[in-house]
Each structure stands twice: as structure tokens, then as C-alpha cells.
């Protein structure tokens, strides 16, 4: 892991940063939702960020998810056709979680 992806606070607590697909900026993992493509080829919305597989991060807001849907960012990240309904499912899960 690159030192660019870790930020240290005053209390020397490390904050892990990840790059969001929708705007390509670094954010704390708690501000992002992780989408995982498992080895079985299944797409999972990983809110706990524990599932094994290739992950991609999107910001936890509706505008970011809709932008990703419009630009088909998950299709590009996973090199796989992602149905539009999956993006709607991401929005639904984020809104449920608060």
C-alpha cells in the first residue's frame, strides 16, 4: 500500500484512503461504498468492506451513483456488463443504511 493512501491525524490514528471511481479523488473508506466482483463472478454491495474479490469504490451519495450509472463506470472497472438495476440497488442500500 502506498503512503499516499494513508492519512495520519493528530492522535497518530491512520485513516485509510481509497479513490472513488466517479470523481477519482481520495476519500476515507467510511465515506465510500465498495462494490466487489467475487471469484465466482457475482457482484456484491459490500457495506462492511470485508468480502474477498476485486473491489471498486463509489461515494455514498445518490448523485455519485447516478453519474457512475450514466458513465457505466462499474462496467469499465470490472470489464463486465452491469445492469442498470444494480445501480438502483446500490442507491437503495445506501438510503437504508442512512
Protein backbone atom coordinates (compact mmCIF):
# COMPACT_ATOMS: atom_id res chain seq x y z
CA UNK A 1 0.00 0.00 0.00
CA UNK A 2 1.29 3.37 -0.94
CA UNK A 3 1.89 6.02 1.71
CA UNK A 4 -0.28 8.31 -0.42
CA UNK A 5 -3.33 6.25 0.62
CA UNK A 6 -2.85 6.75 4.36
CA UNK A 7 -3.52 9.98 6.19
CA UNK A 8 -2.49 10.48 9.82
CA UNK A 9 -4.49 12.56 12.26
CA UNK A 10 -3.11 14.49 15.25
CA UNK A 11 -3.61 11.48 17.52
CA UNK A 12 -1.50 9.39 15.11
CA UNK A 13 -4.60 7.48 14.08
CA UNK A 14 -4.29 6.30 10.48
CA UNK A 15 -7.15 6.91 8.09
CA UNK A 16 -7.21 4.60 5.07
CA UNK A 17 -7.99 6.44 1.84
CA UNK A 18 -9.43 4.99 -1.35
CA UNK A 19 -10.03 6.51 -4.77
CA UNK A 20 -13.65 6.91 -5.88
CA UNK A 21 -14.48 5.94 -9.46
CA UNK A 22 -16.95 8.76 -10.03
CA UNK A 23 -14.61 11.72 -9.46
CA UNK A 24 -11.22 10.00 -8.97
CA UNK A 25 -10.48 11.77 -5.68
CA UNK A 26 -9.25 10.15 -2.45
CA UNK A 27 -11.76 9.66 0.37
CA UNK A 28 -11.85 7.90 3.70
CA UNK A 29 -13.21 4.35 3.41
CA UNK A 30 -16.15 5.27 5.65
CA UNK A 31 -17.33 7.81 3.04
CA UNK A 32 -17.38 5.22 0.25
CA UNK A 33 -19.37 2.14 -0.70
CA UNK A 34 -17.39 -0.83 -2.00
CA UNK A 35 -18.65 -2.90 -4.91
CA UNK A 36 -16.99 -6.31 -5.24
CA UNK A 37 -16.70 -8.77 -8.09
CA UNK A 38 -16.11 -12.15 -6.43
CA UNK A 39 -14.13 -15.00 -7.96
CA UNK A 40 -17.47 -16.62 -8.84
CA UNK A 41 -18.35 -13.59 -10.99
CA UNK A 42 -21.00 -12.35 -8.55
CA UNK A 43 -21.42 -8.63 -7.86
CA UNK A 44 -21.79 -7.73 -4.18
CA UNK A 45 -22.51 -4.42 -2.46
CA UNK A 46 -20.00 -4.70 0.38
CA UNK A 47 -21.07 -2.21 3.05
CA UNK A 48 -18.81 -3.80 5.69
CA UNK A 49 -15.85 -3.85 3.24
CA UNK A 50 -14.88 -7.42 4.13
CA UNK A 51 -15.82 -9.51 1.06
CA UNK A 52 -12.95 -11.05 -0.92
CA UNK A 53 -12.63 -10.10 -4.58
CA UNK A 54 -11.88 -7.17 -6.83
CA UNK A 55 -13.30 -4.00 -5.36
CA UNK A 56 -14.30 -0.63 -6.72
CA UNK A 57 -15.37 2.37 -4.64
CA UNK A 58 -18.12 4.93 -5.18
CA UNK A 59 -19.08 7.87 -2.98
CA UNK A 60 -22.06 7.25 -0.71
CA UNK A 61 -24.43 9.70 -2.35
CA UNK A 62 -27.13 9.39 -4.97
CA UNK A 63 -25.55 11.84 -7.41
CA UNK A 64 -22.30 9.85 -7.50
CA UNK A 65 -24.13 6.57 -8.10
CA UNK A 66 -26.24 8.10 -10.88
CA UNK A 67 -23.11 9.53 -12.50
CA UNK A 68 -21.48 6.09 -12.34
CA UNK A 69 -24.61 4.62 -13.94
CA UNK A 70 -24.60 7.23 -16.72
CA UNK A 71 -20.89 6.75 -17.47
CA UNK A 72 -21.04 2.94 -16.89
CA UNK A 73 -18.06 3.18 -14.55
CA UNK A 74 -18.56 -0.24 -12.96
CA UNK A 75 -18.71 -1.82 -16.42
CA UNK A 76 -15.28 -0.36 -17.13
CA UNK A 77 -13.82 -1.22 -13.71
CA UNK A 78 -14.90 -4.87 -13.84
CA UNK A 79 -14.80 -5.32 -17.63
CA UNK A 80 -18.27 -6.82 -17.37
CA UNK A 81 -21.79 -5.72 -18.34
CA UNK A 82 -23.52 -4.37 -15.21
CA UNK A 83 -27.32 -3.96 -15.42
CA UNK A 84 -28.80 -0.55 -14.58
CA UNK A 85 -30.91 -2.18 -11.86
CA UNK A 86 -27.72 -2.91 -9.90
CA UNK A 87 -27.03 0.83 -9.59
CA UNK A 88 -30.58 1.31 -8.29
CA UNK A 89 -29.93 -1.44 -5.74
CA UNK A 90 -26.79 0.40 -4.56
CA UNK A 91 -28.82 3.59 -4.02
CA UNK A 92 -31.49 1.64 -2.14
CA UNK A 93 -28.90 0.04 0.19
CA UNK A 94 -27.20 3.38 0.89
CA UNK A 95 -30.51 5.04 1.72
CA UNK A 96 -31.48 2.13 4.02
CA UNK A 97 -28.17 2.38 5.88
CA UNK A 98 -28.52 6.12 6.35
